[in-house]
Amino acid sequence: MKIRKISKRSLPNAASEPWVDATRRVYCEGEYAFVPVKEGYPFDGEIPDRRPYSGPGYQRMGDTLLLHGDAPTADELAALIAWEKPSCVIHAATHEGVMRTPKASVLFGQPHDVTFREAGITYTLDPSKVMFSQGNRGEKLRLRSLVKPGERIADMFAGIGYFTLSAALAGGNVHAVEINPVSFAYLEKNIEANDLAGRVTPELGDCRERLFGIYDRILMGHFEAPDFLKTALDHAEPGTVLHVHGVGDRKNDITETLEGAGFTYIISEHKVKKYAGRLWHSVWDVNLI
């Protein structure tokens, strides 16, 4: 690949130059940027084309990379670091318990707070301490399209604000309950960062003890949510909508609980993302009538 070597400070001004080959990626090292040059224009030198990355999938959060599933080999890790040049790489094999604490190993660098934006929302967290799934992006956007301004909403598993912030941004008034004190601290920070303090009431504690009154919509963004459905129904009435998350086929469990509580309902399933093997992370929308 033919390149021109310029300072990284000059990179924004060079973007519109006619000699720049915008079909190729700029390579940066230290204070310099190596900018691809179109055929027929003068160049400073040549460097080998970067080989496309073909290793394990990952999430990028700020300057940190998060991997799930099997841990990468040493060669795969080296290739990933060379490709993305992160400051930290974390492997989170799973999340444990009701607090969804990552079982994390640091593969490179030092874990730290990262701040990034997703779908118009700013999040801050330390990926080695609390979970964050970018695979839920579509579900957050779907929720935002469903919430009506002024709805009274309970988020039983608020975490750092995964669904709380989307619901509040859509105009809902959210009672956000989180049992994990580390996640709760980030929840408070993210509410403030997104100027949503007037729409979210955060509360640290067990959702089975903290809900009160009746809600228009109840968010249950936890894989074990069907086991908490009886608690949610104590705070629901005809007209309430519940979003019950789970892994695998939990529809029968949900319908048995609804019928046992004497509710009439309409239920629909939405697949969020592939979880493992043939299992899907799904959400069941339950409209009480």
C-alpha atoms as a PDB file:
ATOM      1  CA  MET A   1       0.000   0.000   0.000  1.00  0.00           C
ATOM      2  CA  LYS A   2       1.388   3.407  -1.044  1.00  0.00           C
ATOM      3  CA  ILE A   3       1.287   5.940   1.807  1.00  0.00           C
ATOM      4  CA  ARG A   4       2.175   9.449   2.867  1.00  0.00           C
ATOM      5  CA  LYS A   5       3.502   9.931   6.387  1.00  0.00           C
ATOM      6  CA  ILE A   6       1.936  12.911   8.167  1.00  0.00           C
ATOM      7  CA  SER A   7       1.463  13.961  11.794  1.00  0.00           C
ATOM      8  CA  LYS A   8      -1.700  12.709  13.483  1.00  0.00           C
ATOM      9  CA  ARG A   9      -2.613  16.347  14.153  1.00  0.00           C
ATOM     10  CA  SER A  10      -2.837  16.916  10.390  1.00  0.00           C
ATOM     11  CA  LEU A  11      -5.104  13.932   9.815  1.00  0.00           C
ATOM     12  CA  PRO A  12      -8.463  15.803   9.985  1.00  0.00           C
ATOM     13  CA  ASN A  13      -7.274  18.334   7.398  1.00  0.00           C
ATOM     14  CA  ALA A  14      -5.975  15.598   5.087  1.00  0.00           C
ATOM     15  CA  ALA A  15      -9.283  13.740   4.951  1.00  0.00           C
ATOM     16  CA  SER A  16     -10.611  15.853   2.061  1.00  0.00           C
ATOM     17  CA  GLU A  17      -7.400  15.867  -0.001  1.00  0.00           C
ATOM     18  CA  PRO A  18      -7.803  14.426  -3.518  1.00  0.00           C
ATOM     19  CA  TRP A  19      -4.801  12.086  -3.090  1.00  0.00           C
ATOM     20  CA  VAL A  20      -6.290  10.210  -0.125  1.00  0.00           C
ATOM     21  CA  ASP A  21      -7.525   6.687  -0.866  1.00  0.00           C
ATOM     22  CA  ALA A  22     -10.612   6.588   1.342  1.00  0.00           C
ATOM     23  CA  THR A  23     -11.250   2.917   0.530  1.00  0.00           C
ATOM     24  CA  ARG A  24      -8.332   1.893   2.778  1.00  0.00           C
ATOM     25  CA  ARG A  25      -7.762   2.333   6.506  1.00  0.00           C
ATOM     26  CA  VAL A  26      -5.282   4.848   7.888  1.00  0.00           C
ATOM     27  CA  TYR A  27      -2.529   3.281   9.993  1.00  0.00           C
ATOM     28  CA  CYS A  28      -1.317   5.225  13.057  1.00  0.00           C
ATOM     29  CA  GLU A  29       1.825   4.715  15.106  1.00  0.00           C
ATOM     30  CA  GLY A  30       3.010   7.099  17.783  1.00  0.00           C
ATOM     31  CA  GLU A  31       2.601  10.699  16.594  1.00  0.00           C
ATOM     32  CA  TYR A  32       2.365   9.770  12.926  1.00  0.00           C
ATOM     33  CA  ALA A  33      -0.379   8.639  10.538  1.00  0.00           C
ATOM     34  CA  PHE A  34       0.329   6.623   7.390  1.00  0.00           C
ATOM     35  CA  VAL A  35      -2.359   7.676   4.919  1.00  0.00           C
ATOM     36  CA  PRO A  36      -3.165   5.499   1.859  1.00  0.00           C
ATOM     37  CA  VAL A  37      -2.509   7.254  -1.459  1.00  0.00           C
ATOM     38  CA  LYS A  38      -4.512   6.836  -4.677  1.00  0.00           C
ATOM     39  CA  GLU A  39      -2.798   5.572  -7.799  1.00  0.00           C
ATOM     40  CA  GLY A  40      -1.138   8.346  -9.817  1.00  0.00           C
ATOM     41  CA  TYR A  41      -0.353  10.619  -6.849  1.00  0.00           C
ATOM     42  CA  PRO A  42       3.067  11.112  -5.217  1.00  0.00           C
ATOM     43  CA  PHE A  43       3.769   8.988  -2.147  1.00  0.00           C
ATOM     44  CA  ASP A  44       6.456   8.702   0.581  1.00  0.00           C
ATOM     45  CA  GLY A  45       6.754   4.936   0.730  1.00  0.00           C
ATOM     46  CA  GLU A  46       4.979   1.617   0.840  1.00  0.00           C
ATOM     47  CA  ILE A  47       3.846  -0.587   3.719  1.00  0.00           C
ATOM     48  CA  PRO A  48       2.279  -4.049   3.612  1.00  0.00           C
ATOM     49  CA  ASP A  49      -1.511  -4.149   3.547  1.00  0.00           C
ATOM     50  CA  ARG A  50      -2.989  -4.977   6.942  1.00  0.00           C
ATOM     51  CA  ARG A  51      -4.376  -8.477   7.057  1.00  0.00           C
ATOM     52  CA  PRO A  52      -8.080  -8.510   7.976  1.00  0.00           C
ATOM     53  CA  TYR A  53      -8.768  -9.590  11.554  1.00  0.00           C
ATOM     54  CA  SER A  54     -10.327 -13.064  11.638  1.00  0.00           C
ATOM     55  CA  GLY A  55     -10.119 -14.037  15.310  1.00  0.00           C
ATOM     56  CA  PRO A  56     -12.793 -14.340  18.026  1.00  0.00           C
ATOM     57  CA  GLY A  57     -15.573 -11.762  18.173  1.00  0.00           C
ATOM     58  CA  TYR A  58     -15.390  -8.956  20.727  1.00  0.00           C
ATOM     59  CA  GLN A  59     -17.105  -5.844  22.016  1.00  0.00           C
ATOM     60  CA  ARG A  60     -15.325  -2.498  22.027  1.00  0.00           C
ATOM     61  CA  MET A  61     -16.141  -0.123  24.888  1.00  0.00           C
ATOM     62  CA  GLY A  62     -14.054   3.015  24.654  1.00  0.00           C
ATOM     63  CA  ASP A  63     -10.435   1.835  24.657  1.00  0.00           C
ATOM     64  CA  THR A  64     -11.279  -1.571  26.170  1.00  0.00           C
ATOM     65  CA  LEU A  65     -12.149  -4.821  24.402  1.00  0.00           C
ATOM     66  CA  LEU A  66     -14.423  -7.437  25.971  1.00  0.00           C
ATOM     67  CA  LEU A  67     -14.487 -11.079  24.819  1.00  0.00           C
ATOM     68  CA  HIS A  68     -17.033 -13.776  25.698  1.00  0.00           C
ATOM     69  CA  GLY A  69     -17.086 -17.531  25.185  1.00  0.00           C
ATOM     70  CA  ASP A  70     -13.804 -19.433  25.037  1.00  0.00           C
ATOM     71  CA  ALA A  71     -10.638 -17.553  25.950  1.00  0.00           C
ATOM     72  CA  PRO A  72      -8.463 -16.617  22.949  1.00  0.00           C
ATOM     73  CA  THR A  73      -5.162 -18.338  22.269  1.00  0.00           C
ATOM     74  CA  ALA A  74      -1.955 -16.358  22.677  1.00  0.00           C
ATOM     75  CA  ASP A  75      -1.749 -15.877  18.893  1.00  0.00           C
ATOM     76  CA  GLU A  76      -5.383 -14.747  18.685  1.00  0.00           C
ATOM     77  CA  LEU A  77      -4.850 -12.265  21.514  1.00  0.00           C
ATOM     78  CA  ALA A  78      -1.731 -10.875  19.857  1.00  0.00           C
ATOM     79  CA  ALA A  79      -3.587 -10.468  16.555  1.00  0.00           C
ATOM     80  CA  LEU A  80      -6.478  -8.703  18.279  1.00  0.00           C
ATOM     81  CA  ILE A  81      -4.166  -6.283  20.094  1.00  0.00           C
ATOM     82  CA  ALA A  82      -2.311  -5.528  16.847  1.00  0.00           C
ATOM     83  CA  TRP A  83      -5.620  -4.936  15.042  1.00  0.00           C
ATOM     84  CA  GLU A  84      -7.446  -2.730  17.572  1.00  0.00           C
ATOM     85  CA  LYS A  85      -4.582  -1.353  19.719  1.00  0.00           C
ATOM     86  CA  PRO A  86      -6.667  -1.317  22.923  1.00  0.00           C
ATOM     87  CA  SER A  87      -5.449  -0.257  26.341  1.00  0.00           C
ATOM     88  CA  CYS A  88      -7.126  -3.260  27.970  1.00  0.00           C
ATOM     89  CA  VAL A  89      -8.542  -6.664  26.945  1.00  0.00           C
ATOM     90  CA  ILE A  90     -10.927  -8.529  29.257  1.00  0.00           C
ATOM     91  CA  HIS A  91     -12.340 -12.041  28.919  1.00  0.00           C
ATOM     92  CA  ALA A  92     -15.721 -12.485  30.622  1.00  0.00           C
ATOM     93  CA  ALA A  93     -16.628 -16.162  30.370  1.00  0.00           C
ATOM     94  CA  THR A  94     -19.988 -15.716  32.075  1.00  0.00           C
ATOM     95  CA  HIS A  95     -21.964 -13.626  34.562  1.00  0.00           C
ATOM     96  CA  GLU A  96     -22.740 -15.092  37.957  1.00  0.00           C
ATOM     97  CA  GLY A  97     -25.738 -14.849  40.273  1.00  0.00           C
ATOM     98  CA  VAL A  98     -28.615 -12.444  40.534  1.00  0.00           C
ATOM     99  CA  MET A  99     -26.129  -9.550  40.656  1.00  0.00           C
ATOM    100  CA  ARG A 100     -24.804 -10.556  37.195  1.00  0.00           C
ATOM    101  CA  THR A 101     -21.184 -10.155  38.287  1.00  0.00           C
ATOM    102  CA  PRO A 102     -18.722 -10.882  35.444  1.00  0.00           C
ATOM    103  CA  LYS A 103     -16.399 -13.839  35.894  1.00  0.00           C
ATOM    104  CA  ALA A 104     -13.622 -11.825  34.291  1.00  0.00           C
ATOM    105  CA  SER A 105      -9.951 -12.350  33.484  1.00  0.00           C
ATOM    106  CA  VAL A 106      -7.696  -9.493  32.409  1.00  0.00           C
ATOM    107  CA  LEU A 107      -5.724 -10.564  29.343  1.00  0.00           C
ATOM    108  CA  PHE A 108      -3.962  -7.276  28.635  1.00  0.00           C
ATOM    109  CA  GLY A 109      -3.565  -3.883  30.336  1.00  0.00           C
ATOM    110  CA  GLN A 110      -5.387  -2.634  33.412  1.00  0.00           C
ATOM    111  CA  PRO A 111      -9.197  -2.457  33.800  1.00  0.00           C
ATOM    112  CA  HIS A 112     -10.664   1.004  34.286  1.00  0.00           C
ATOM    113  CA  ASP A 113     -13.840   2.998  33.775  1.00  0.00           C
ATOM    114  CA  VAL A 114     -14.743   3.528  30.131  1.00  0.00           C
ATOM    115  CA  THR A 115     -17.279   5.927  28.653  1.00  0.00           C
ATOM    116  CA  PHE A 116     -18.966   5.381  25.302  1.00  0.00           C
ATOM    117  CA  ARG A 117     -22.222   6.117  23.475  1.00  0.00           C
ATOM    118  CA  GLU A 118     -24.751   3.662  22.138  1.00  0.00           C
ATOM    119  CA  ALA A 119     -27.975   4.661  20.378  1.00  0.00           C
ATOM    120  CA  GLY A 120     -27.743   8.231  21.658  1.00  0.00           C
ATOM    121  CA  ILE A 121     -27.077   7.274  25.287  1.00  0.00           C
ATOM    122  CA  THR A 122     -23.827   7.747  27.225  1.00  0.00           C
ATOM    123  CA  TYR A 123     -22.697   4.856  29.427  1.00  0.00           C
ATOM    124  CA  THR A 124     -19.834   4.676  31.921  1.00  0.00           C
ATOM    125  CA  LEU A 125     -18.752   1.393  33.516  1.00  0.00           C
ATOM    126  CA  ASP A 126     -15.801  -0.849  34.287  1.00  0.00           C
ATOM    127  CA  PRO A 127     -16.340  -3.993  32.139  1.00  0.00           C
ATOM    128  CA  SER A 128     -14.370  -6.100  34.631  1.00  0.00           C
ATOM    129  CA  LYS A 129     -16.856  -5.257  37.405  1.00  0.00           C
ATOM    130  CA  VAL A 130     -20.305  -5.065  35.794  1.00  0.00           C
ATOM    131  CA  MET A 131     -21.934  -6.578  32.707  1.00  0.00           C
ATOM    132  CA  PHE A 132     -22.894  -4.789  29.510  1.00  0.00           C
ATOM    133  CA  SER A 133     -24.277  -6.524  26.428  1.00  0.00           C
ATOM    134  CA  GLN A 134     -24.154  -4.611  23.162  1.00  0.00           C
ATOM    135  CA  GLY A 135     -26.332  -7.368  21.724  1.00  0.00           C
ATOM    136  CA  ASN A 136     -29.270  -5.721  23.521  1.00  0.00           C
ATOM    137  CA  ARG A 137     -29.055  -2.553  21.387  1.00  0.00           C
ATOM    138  CA  GLY A 138     -31.984  -3.517  19.174  1.00  0.00           C
ATOM    139  CA  GLU A 139     -34.162  -4.321  22.178  1.00  0.00           C
ATOM    140  CA  LYS A 140     -33.372  -0.945  23.747  1.00  0.00           C
ATOM    141  CA  LEU A 141     -34.439   0.807  20.547  1.00  0.00           C
ATOM    142  CA  ARG A 142     -37.614  -1.311  20.357  1.00  0.00           C
ATOM    143  CA  LEU A 143     -38.461  -0.428  23.943  1.00  0.00           C
ATOM    144  CA  ARG A 144     -37.936   3.247  23.199  1.00  0.00           C
ATOM    145  CA  SER A 145     -40.514   2.985  20.400  1.00  0.00           C
ATOM    146  CA  LEU A 146     -43.084   1.387  22.734  1.00  0.00           C
ATOM    147  CA  VAL A 147     -42.896   3.660  25.797  1.00  0.00           C
ATOM    148  CA  LYS A 148     -45.438   6.470  25.928  1.00  0.00           C
ATOM    149  CA  PRO A 149     -44.633   9.793  27.628  1.00  0.00           C
ATOM    150  CA  GLY A 150     -45.746   9.874  31.236  1.00  0.00           C
ATOM    151  CA  GLU A 151     -45.901   6.109  31.783  1.00  0.00           C
ATOM    152  CA  ARG A 152     -45.062   4.917  35.288  1.00  0.00           C
ATOM    153  CA  ILE A 153     -42.428   2.244  34.734  1.00  0.00           C
ATOM    154  CA  ALA A 154     -40.606  -0.191  37.023  1.00  0.00           C
ATOM    155  CA  ASP A 155     -37.227  -1.568  35.979  1.00  0.00           C
ATOM    156  CA  MET A 156     -36.746  -4.523  38.314  1.00  0.00           C
ATOM    157  CA  PHE A 157     -33.146  -5.229  37.237  1.00  0.00           C
ATOM    158  CA  ALA A 158     -31.843  -1.794  36.299  1.00  0.00           C
ATOM    159  CA  GLY A 159     -28.108  -2.580  36.291  1.00  0.00           C
ATOM    160  CA  ILE A 160     -26.162   0.424  35.024  1.00  0.00           C
ATOM    161  CA  GLY A 161     -29.241   1.649  33.138  1.00  0.00           C
ATOM    162  CA  TYR A 162     -29.456  -0.725  30.151  1.00  0.00           C
ATOM    163  CA  PHE A 163     -33.226  -0.331  29.683  1.00  0.00           C
ATOM    164  CA  THR A 164     -33.897   2.363  32.300  1.00  0.00           C
ATOM    165  CA  LEU A 165     -32.207   5.093  30.284  1.00  0.00           C
ATOM    166  CA  SER A 166     -33.955   4.128  27.028  1.00  0.00           C
ATOM    167  CA  ALA A 167     -37.367   4.146  28.722  1.00  0.00           C
ATOM    168  CA  ALA A 168     -36.686   7.491  30.396  1.00  0.00           C
ATOM    169  CA  LEU A 169     -35.398   8.999  27.149  1.00  0.00           C
ATOM    170  CA  ALA A 170     -38.735   8.042  25.554  1.00  0.00           C
ATOM    171  CA  GLY A 171     -40.594  10.023  28.230  1.00  0.00           C
ATOM    172  CA  GLY A 172     -41.301   7.377  30.858  1.00  0.00           C
ATOM    173  CA  ASN A 173     -41.003   7.963  34.597  1.00  0.00           C
ATOM    174  CA  VAL A 174     -38.842   5.056  35.737  1.00  0.00           C
ATOM    175  CA  HIS A 175     -38.474   3.519  39.187  1.00  0.00           C
ATOM    176  CA  ALA A 176     -35.093   1.807  38.690  1.00  0.00           C
ATOM    177  CA  VAL A 177     -34.212  -0.888  41.237  1.00  0.00           C
ATOM    178  CA  GLU A 178     -30.763  -2.507  41.338  1.00  0.00           C
ATOM    179  CA  ILE A 179     -29.421  -4.939  43.949  1.00  0.00           C
ATOM    180  CA  ASN A 180     -25.709  -4.743  43.050  1.00  0.00           C
ATOM    181  CA  PRO A 181     -24.119  -1.685  44.736  1.00  0.00           C
ATOM    182  CA  VAL A 182     -21.351  -1.467  42.117  1.00  0.00           C
ATOM    183  CA  SER A 183     -23.862  -1.419  39.257  1.00  0.00           C
ATOM    184  CA  PHE A 184     -26.038   1.008  41.215  1.00  0.00           C
ATOM    185  CA  ALA A 185     -23.186   3.521  41.492  1.00  0.00           C
ATOM    186  CA  TYR A 186     -22.789   3.453  37.704  1.00  0.00           C
ATOM    187  CA  LEU A 187     -26.576   3.722  37.293  1.00  0.00           C
ATOM    188  CA  GLU A 188     -26.583   6.969  39.259  1.00  0.00           C
ATOM    189  CA  LYS A 189     -23.634   8.283  37.234  1.00  0.00           C
ATOM    190  CA  ASN A 190     -25.308   7.400  33.922  1.00  0.00           C
ATOM    191  CA  ILE A 191     -28.614   8.996  34.906  1.00  0.00           C
ATOM    192  CA  GLU A 192     -26.770  12.249  35.601  1.00  0.00           C
ATOM    193  CA  ALA A 193     -24.627  12.039  32.451  1.00  0.00           C
ATOM    194  CA  ASN A 194     -27.735  11.751  30.284  1.00  0.00           C
ATOM    195  CA  ASP A 195     -29.657  14.531  32.086  1.00  0.00           C
ATOM    196  CA  LEU A 196     -32.419  12.115  33.103  1.00  0.00           C
ATOM    197  CA  ALA A 197     -32.537  12.770  36.856  1.00  0.00           C
ATOM    198  CA  GLY A 198     -36.044  14.199  36.512  1.00  0.00           C
ATOM    199  CA  ARG A 199     -37.343  10.978  34.939  1.00  0.00           C
ATOM    200  CA  VAL A 200     -35.570   8.254  36.922  1.00  0.00           C
ATOM    201  CA  THR A 201     -35.867   7.380  40.614  1.00  0.00           C
ATOM    202  CA  PRO A 202     -32.985   4.971  41.376  1.00  0.00           C
ATOM    203  CA  GLU A 203     -33.198   2.668  44.393  1.00  0.00           C
ATOM    204  CA  LEU A 204     -30.622   0.241  45.749  1.00  0.00           C
ATOM    205  CA  GLY A 205     -32.114  -3.029  46.932  1.00  0.00           C
ATOM    206  CA  ASP A 206     -33.984  -6.218  46.070  1.00  0.00           C
ATOM    207  CA  CYS A 207     -36.815  -5.604  43.599  1.00  0.00           C
ATOM    208  CA  ARG A 208     -38.955  -8.150  45.457  1.00  0.00           C
ATOM    209  CA  GLU A 209     -39.028  -5.699  48.362  1.00  0.00           C
ATOM    210  CA  ARG A 210     -38.764  -2.275  46.682  1.00  0.00           C
ATOM    211  CA  LEU A 211     -41.655  -2.052  44.221  1.00  0.00           C
ATOM    212  CA  PHE A 212     -44.736  -0.117  45.316  1.00  0.00           C
ATOM    213  CA  GLY A 213     -48.088   0.691  43.783  1.00  0.00           C
ATOM    214  CA  ILE A 214     -49.175  -0.136  40.248  1.00  0.00           C
ATOM    215  CA  TYR A 215     -47.072   0.415  37.132  1.00  0.00           C
ATOM    216  CA  ASP A 216     -48.030   0.948  33.499  1.00  0.00           C
ATOM    217  CA  ARG A 217     -44.990  -1.005  32.292  1.00  0.00           C
ATOM    218  CA  ILE A 218     -42.591  -3.369  34.068  1.00  0.00           C
ATOM    219  CA  LEU A 219     -39.140  -4.141  32.660  1.00  0.00           C
ATOM    220  CA  MET A 220     -37.658  -7.506  33.631  1.00  0.00           C
ATOM    221  CA  GLY A 221     -34.272  -7.600  31.888  1.00  0.00           C
ATOM    222  CA  HIS A 222     -32.746 -10.612  33.653  1.00  0.00           C
ATOM    223  CA  PHE A 223     -32.360 -14.164  32.348  1.00  0.00           C
ATOM    224  CA  GLU A 224     -34.184 -15.468  35.441  1.00  0.00           C
ATOM    225  CA  ALA A 225     -37.015 -12.940  35.109  1.00  0.00           C
ATOM    226  CA  PRO A 226     -39.792 -15.582  34.756  1.00  0.00           C
ATOM    227  CA  ASP A 227     -39.001 -16.655  38.335  1.00  0.00           C
ATOM    228  CA  PHE A 228     -39.760 -13.092  39.523  1.00  0.00           C
ATOM    229  CA  LEU A 229     -43.040 -12.758  37.622  1.00  0.00           C
ATOM    230  CA  LYS A 230     -45.265 -13.296  40.687  1.00  0.00           C
ATOM    231  CA  THR A 231     -43.660 -10.250  42.323  1.00  0.00           C
ATOM    232  CA  ALA A 232     -44.232  -8.153  39.199  1.00  0.00           C
ATOM    233  CA  LEU A 233     -47.891  -9.162  38.982  1.00  0.00           C
ATOM    234  CA  ASP A 234     -48.487  -7.837  42.501  1.00  0.00           C
ATOM    235  CA  HIS A 235     -47.841  -4.401  40.984  1.00  0.00           C
ATOM    236  CA  ALA A 236     -49.798  -4.814  37.752  1.00  0.00           C
ATOM    237  CA  GLU A 237     -53.376  -4.474  36.588  1.00  0.00           C
ATOM    238  CA  PRO A 238     -55.283  -4.753  33.292  1.00  0.00           C
ATOM    239  CA  GLY A 239     -53.469  -2.406  30.920  1.00  0.00           C
ATOM    240  CA  THR A 240     -50.022  -3.068  32.368  1.00  0.00           C
ATOM    241  CA  VAL A 241     -47.364  -4.309  29.943  1.00  0.00           C
ATOM    242  CA  LEU A 242     -44.545  -6.561  31.167  1.00  0.00           C
ATOM    243  CA  HIS A 243     -41.328  -7.314  29.265  1.00  0.00           C
ATOM    244  CA  VAL A 244     -40.106 -10.661  30.612  1.00  0.00           C
ATOM    245  CA  HIS A 245     -36.615 -11.728  29.496  1.00  0.00           C
ATOM    246  CA  GLY A 246     -35.262 -15.272  29.579  1.00  0.00           C
ATOM    247  CA  VAL A 247     -33.107 -17.875  27.880  1.00  0.00           C
ATOM    248  CA  GLY A 248     -34.640 -20.819  26.058  1.00  0.00           C
ATOM    249  CA  ASP A 249     -38.338 -21.644  26.027  1.00  0.00           C
ATOM    250  CA  ARG A 250     -39.839 -20.039  29.137  1.00  0.00           C
ATOM    251  CA  LYS A 251     -43.238 -19.254  27.632  1.00  0.00           C
ATOM    252  CA  ASN A 252     -44.998 -22.107  29.444  1.00  0.00           C
ATOM    253  CA  ASP A 253     -43.530 -20.971  32.782  1.00  0.00           C
ATOM    254  CA  ILE A 254     -44.785 -17.454  32.121  1.00  0.00           C
ATOM    255  CA  THR A 255     -48.294 -18.497  31.074  1.00  0.00           C
ATOM    256  CA  GLU A 256     -48.663 -20.816  34.071  1.00  0.00           C
ATOM    257  CA  THR A 257     -47.812 -17.956  36.428  1.00  0.00           C
ATOM    258  CA  LEU A 258     -50.191 -15.562  34.656  1.00  0.00           C
ATOM    259  CA  GLU A 259     -53.083 -18.023  34.734  1.00  0.00           C
ATOM    260  CA  GLY A 260     -52.359 -18.962  38.326  1.00  0.00           C
ATOM    261  CA  ALA A 261     -52.679 -15.285  39.256  1.00  0.00           C
ATOM    262  CA  GLY A 262     -56.001 -15.046  37.403  1.00  0.00           C
ATOM    263  CA  PHE A 263     -54.904 -12.664  34.647  1.00  0.00           C
ATOM    264  CA  THR A 264     -56.152 -12.528  31.067  1.00  0.00           C
ATOM    265  CA  TYR A 265     -53.356 -11.615  28.699  1.00  0.00           C
ATOM    266  CA  ILE A 266     -51.873 -11.410  25.223  1.00  0.00           C
ATOM    267  CA  ILE A 267     -48.280 -12.635  24.942  1.00  0.00           C
ATOM    268  CA  SER A 268     -45.772 -12.264  22.104  1.00  0.00           C
ATOM    269  CA  GLU A 269     -42.145 -13.372  21.839  1.00  0.00           C
ATOM    270  CA  HIS A 270     -39.236 -11.352  20.437  1.00  0.00           C
ATOM    271  CA  LYS A 271     -35.784 -12.841  19.958  1.00  0.00           C
ATOM    272  CA  VAL A 272     -33.031 -10.537  21.241  1.00  0.00           C
ATOM    273  CA  LYS A 273     -29.837 -12.445  20.373  1.00  0.00           C
ATOM    274  CA  LYS A 274     -28.341 -15.919  20.106  1.00  0.00           C
ATOM    275  CA  TYR A 275     -27.155 -17.077  23.513  1.00  0.00           C
ATOM    276  CA  ALA A 276     -25.449 -20.450  23.098  1.00  0.00           C
ATOM    277  CA  GLY A 277     -25.946 -23.390  20.764  1.00  0.00           C
ATOM    278  CA  ARG A 278     -29.630 -23.407  19.850  1.00  0.00           C
ATOM    279  CA  LEU A 279     -30.643 -21.242  22.791  1.00  0.00           C
ATOM    280  CA  TRP A 280     -31.917 -17.704  22.291  1.00  0.00           C
ATOM    281  CA  HIS A 281     -32.178 -14.779  24.643  1.00  0.00           C
ATOM    282  CA  SER A 282     -35.812 -13.788  24.176  1.00  0.00           C
ATOM    283  CA  VAL A 283     -38.226 -11.284  25.650  1.00  0.00           C
ATOM    284  CA  TRP A 284     -41.927 -12.021  26.069  1.00  0.00           C
ATOM    285  CA  ASP A 285     -44.187  -8.961  25.920  1.00  0.00           C
ATOM    286  CA  VAL A 286     -47.174  -9.607  28.175  1.00  0.00           C
ATOM    287  CA  ASN A 287     -50.172  -7.281  27.794  1.00  0.00           C
ATOM    288  CA  LEU A 288     -52.638  -7.704  30.644  1.00  0.00           C
ATOM    289  CA  ILE A 289     -56.279  -7.242  29.548  1.00  0.00           C
END
